[in-house]
């Protein structure tokens, strides 16, 4: 056979329309197509200059007064999909297939992790020592951040995978439904790309326009936003960050070694570089007096300086609750902050007793709480940069020590019953014959009695009721009044050391006010005014102790009254009682008072501290009423600030209850081994926790919760479904389905640049012919087809000259003009006309006829259904 025999000339008569094979090009007369049996065609060989090839879908054009013909070019190579393309497998698979199991597994992982993240974010989970850089932390913060990011990314990826599969199942099942609904649109089949590539919402905005307002579109848009923002939301709300937590309960253990205010235990803890055996009898006493003097004087100086700063702006107040308290106390580098409690109305009480009454009570925190935080058993938060304690606040429900100072102004006549030098013995009293050499630690009087050893009285005074000197205890004489050696001169004070009997709880100070006028003193003349002050310490259950530590320092503070709240010791221990005067403190107080030269008045010592104290006496106003001086601290307040340091020492190693329920070994001041006592506390710390920092970050909960909800719905969907159907929204499946489906007029003009406009909203369904599966427009689209609702615009044949071919990318725009090239090496250029042109672009009559024949063949086909 010659080559000419292989060439077939295409007839242009109408009779060729019914016999032309499908998928053929239409050509004008005078154009030859070379038909090859191997591939089917070569480029057309023009017989004359200017010959052109018409668009294969153009059927009749007004500019061409001849009828187009179906070409003999068969691009299928004789392949008939309806007969030779049965599907290999069923479109529906069992729920036990690997794909279905894998999807359910991924959805389960995503659901579990997203639910966990929601829980952590809502709860604001505190991790304590589990996460941190401390030696006992289970996970370092860098590892925790890494794992949080990894889990968040895992949730994002599994969520996207599950949703794409979920969306594919919904769309595919929707395409199988022909009896109801609209089928599935191209826009819907493309939505899964939004989740995988969120940027396509902007690059293919036309698709979002037609699909974004449907239910599936809204759900897909929501999932796109969730998957895009999920890692950010998890970082904001779940990733552990250092923040101050809310108050939460904590049981704390503290060590107890001795009783409250045990003098011997306190003395044993005082250290001096003196070798043992050099001064054993007085070494510990000397050490403690040096310590008392140093710390108390520092506290007093800080207290008075605070008052000066308080007065400088013009402040003044007689309300004791608002007056400064001592702030100079220090313990283990922590500032000790006390509080005035049991505040009285000075004016009313003074008027009641017709004399000046200055009564104040100062409460201090329990110092044992500071020591308790060092106990490893309590696992307190620690610093990020070291193993030191981290930033936190501890609120302990423990009893608090308090010191009470009661000063009553008396006259010389009123004092005679309790001043030894005024008694009938008429014995001269001085420092040499008054002091005792008795041993305070064993309560044994000296062998040679001194005058002080004999100074005990049951004399009645005018202040017996005020000081509670009832003199009923004849055996221990606990309620007997004190005895002073003499009346001090102005600016001087003396102490009472008149009893070795155990059980007394108070010490007393007697002074005489500043005398004037004097060249060096211009204040009020207080000569003849003798303030008698009682100082005692006790324990109150109406307070709590707060300890806080930060980069600025640490502070231990007592909180009483309303400030104590529910953490007041009496609230957690309903049986707690107040100890008004603890007998142990009397020994500690005597040791303390001796170190401050408060007894130098016995020898007219005129100590500087005594002079200052005697200038702070309260005086009646012009109306005769007594009140706190708004511009000066009172004598009782200053003495309380001086003695406050003894309470710090008194609570060290002491019980966290108001009593001591242990037995000390013989001749020992402390237990052999410290005992643990537990107390209730609340803690708020800078620890690693989830939940975010600012309240604005709570908005990210919407992302976390929505993701978890959609995960639950997807997991339930895949579990309930009996299996999967083929996902025709995926490119490989969709391509195989589309290329084996008949052409459709509704997509006319889309072969070059893709669908446009309303072509994205055409409904498509999946049908079958025997065992061949194909896609076609939904039956409801015929009326729209006839109305040309989905026409994307006309196409016409270009008259451009052939240009140089370079494959699919060799097509050049008509606007660039034609170029000369060798004959037989180019293809005719196709272009889209202007939108205002009216040339229609429809399916060929052959394609419509073939479409109807296939539908009829489907209805008559025999065999088992593949659905």
Foldseek 3Di string as FASTA:
>chain_A
DDQVVQWDQFDQDPVQLVVADPPFAWADPQKTWRQDLVQGTAFIFGPDPLGAGWGRQDADDPVDPGGIHGDNGDRVSPDALLVPPFDPAFQFDFCPDPVNVVLLVLLVLLLVLLVVLLVQQVVQFFDAQCEAQAPSHVHYLVRLQVVLLVSLLSNLVSLLVLVLQVLLQVLQVQQADQVDDFFHFLLSLPLSVCQVPVVCCPVVVLSCVQQCPDPVNVVSVLNSVLSVCRSVLSCFFPRWDWDWDDKDKAKFKFWFWFAFQFPVVLLVVQDDPDDPPPCVQCPSLVRVLVVLQVQLVQQLVQLVVVLVVCPVVPFFDQPQQPRDAGFRDDDPQATWAKGKPPDDFQQVVCVVLVWGKDKTKIWTAQLRVVVRVVDVVRSADADRVDRHHAWKKKWFQFWIKMKMKIKTKDFPVLCLQQAQCNDPVVDDDFPVQQDWPDRLVVLDGDPDDGPLQVRFDQDDGSCCVVQVLPQPPVPQSQSGDFHHHHAFFELAKAWGPRDSRFDHFKIKIKHFAHADDDPVDDDDGRGRIIMIMIMFMWIDQQWIWMWTQHPVTIYIYIAGDVRRPCSRNCNVPVPADIGPGDRSVRSVVVSSCVSNNNRVRSVPPSDPVSNVLSHQDWDADPVRTTTHGRSGHHSRSSVSSSCVVSSNSRSHSHDRGRGDPDDDDPPDRTHPGIDMDMTMMIMIGRGITGNRHDPVSCVSSVSSVVSSVVSVVSSVVSVPDSGGGDSCSDVVNVVVQAVSAFDAFLQFPQPPPHADDCSSVFHKHWDGQASRIHIDTRPVCVVVVVVCVSFPADWTFDSAGFAAADPPVRADDCVVGHDDDDRSRGHGHTDGDDRPDDHGRGGDPSSVVVVVVRVVSRVVDDDDDSD
